[in-house]
Each structure stands twice: as C-alpha cells, then as structure tokens.
Protein backbone atom coordinates (compact mmCIF):
# COMPACT_ATOMS: atom_id res chain seq x y z
CA UNK A 1 -143.74 -17.18 42.49
CA UNK A 2 -143.02 -14.88 45.36
CA UNK A 3 -142.21 -11.31 46.29
CA UNK A 4 -138.47 -11.84 45.80
CA UNK A 5 -139.02 -12.81 42.17
CA UNK A 6 -141.18 -9.72 41.68
CA UNK A 7 -138.44 -7.51 43.13
CA UNK A 8 -135.86 -9.09 40.82
CA UNK A 9 -138.08 -8.44 37.79
CA UNK A 10 -138.54 -4.79 38.77
CA UNK A 11 -134.80 -4.37 39.29
CA UNK A 12 -134.12 -5.93 35.87
CA UNK A 13 -136.60 -3.44 34.46
CA UNK A 14 -134.59 -0.57 35.93
CA UNK A 15 -131.36 -2.04 34.53
CA UNK A 16 -132.93 -2.35 31.08
CA UNK A 17 -134.09 1.27 31.26
CA UNK A 18 -130.55 2.41 32.14
CA UNK A 19 -129.16 0.36 29.25
CA UNK A 20 -131.77 1.96 27.00
CA UNK A 21 -130.62 5.44 27.97
CA UNK A 22 -126.97 4.49 27.44
CA UNK A 23 -127.66 3.00 24.00
CA UNK A 24 -129.76 6.00 22.97
CA UNK A 25 -127.15 8.57 23.98
CA UNK A 26 -124.01 6.78 22.78
CA UNK A 27 -125.47 5.04 19.70
CA UNK A 28 -123.62 1.90 20.80
CA UNK A 29 -124.87 -1.60 20.14
CA UNK A 30 -125.52 -3.82 23.18
CA UNK A 31 -126.72 -7.29 22.18
CA UNK A 32 -127.62 -5.77 18.80
CA UNK A 33 -130.72 -4.07 20.24
CA UNK A 34 -131.70 -0.43 19.75
CA UNK A 35 -132.60 1.87 22.63
CA UNK A 36 -136.30 1.63 21.85
CA UNK A 37 -136.14 -2.15 22.03
CA UNK A 38 -134.43 -1.92 25.42
CA UNK A 39 -137.17 0.37 26.73
CA UNK A 40 -139.80 -2.12 25.55
CA UNK A 41 -137.97 -4.87 27.45
CA UNK A 42 -137.93 -2.61 30.54
CA UNK A 43 -141.68 -2.02 30.25
CA UNK A 44 -142.47 -5.73 29.89
CA UNK A 45 -140.24 -6.69 32.83
CA UNK A 46 -141.77 -3.97 35.00
CA UNK A 47 -145.34 -4.98 34.21
CA UNK A 48 -144.56 -8.64 34.80
CA UNK A 49 -142.86 -7.81 38.12
CA UNK A 50 -145.89 -5.82 39.27
CA UNK A 51 -148.18 -8.65 38.17
CA UNK A 52 -146.20 -11.17 40.22
CA UNK A 53 -146.23 -8.84 43.24
CA UNK A 54 -150.02 -8.41 43.06
CA UNK A 55 -150.52 -12.13 42.53
CA UNK A 56 -148.50 -13.05 45.64
CA UNK A 57 -150.22 -10.46 47.86
C-alpha cells in the first residue's frame, strides 16, 4: 500500500466524523448506524490510515 491509500483512509475518516456529527445533531438514520457507531468507524479509518502512512515511510 502507498501514501495515496493512506490519504484516502484519513479523508474517509474525516467524512465519517462529519456524518457522525450530522447524525448526532439531527437524529437521522444514515445506513441505520447511530452517531457513536459513525465516530467509531472514523477512529478505525484514521488509525488504519496512519498505520499505512507509517508503514510506507
């Protein structure tokens, strides 16, 4: 894997965090996941993106 993949994972983490905020404030249902579940997805994607970036360095 390369740096581009790591950047994509970090960007997906940011998108998931924004979705988490939206779901938490509006109480809507995106893909039937709660806001806390979205923030967990954001954390996992961010950690994985940083891992890939360190691995390719």
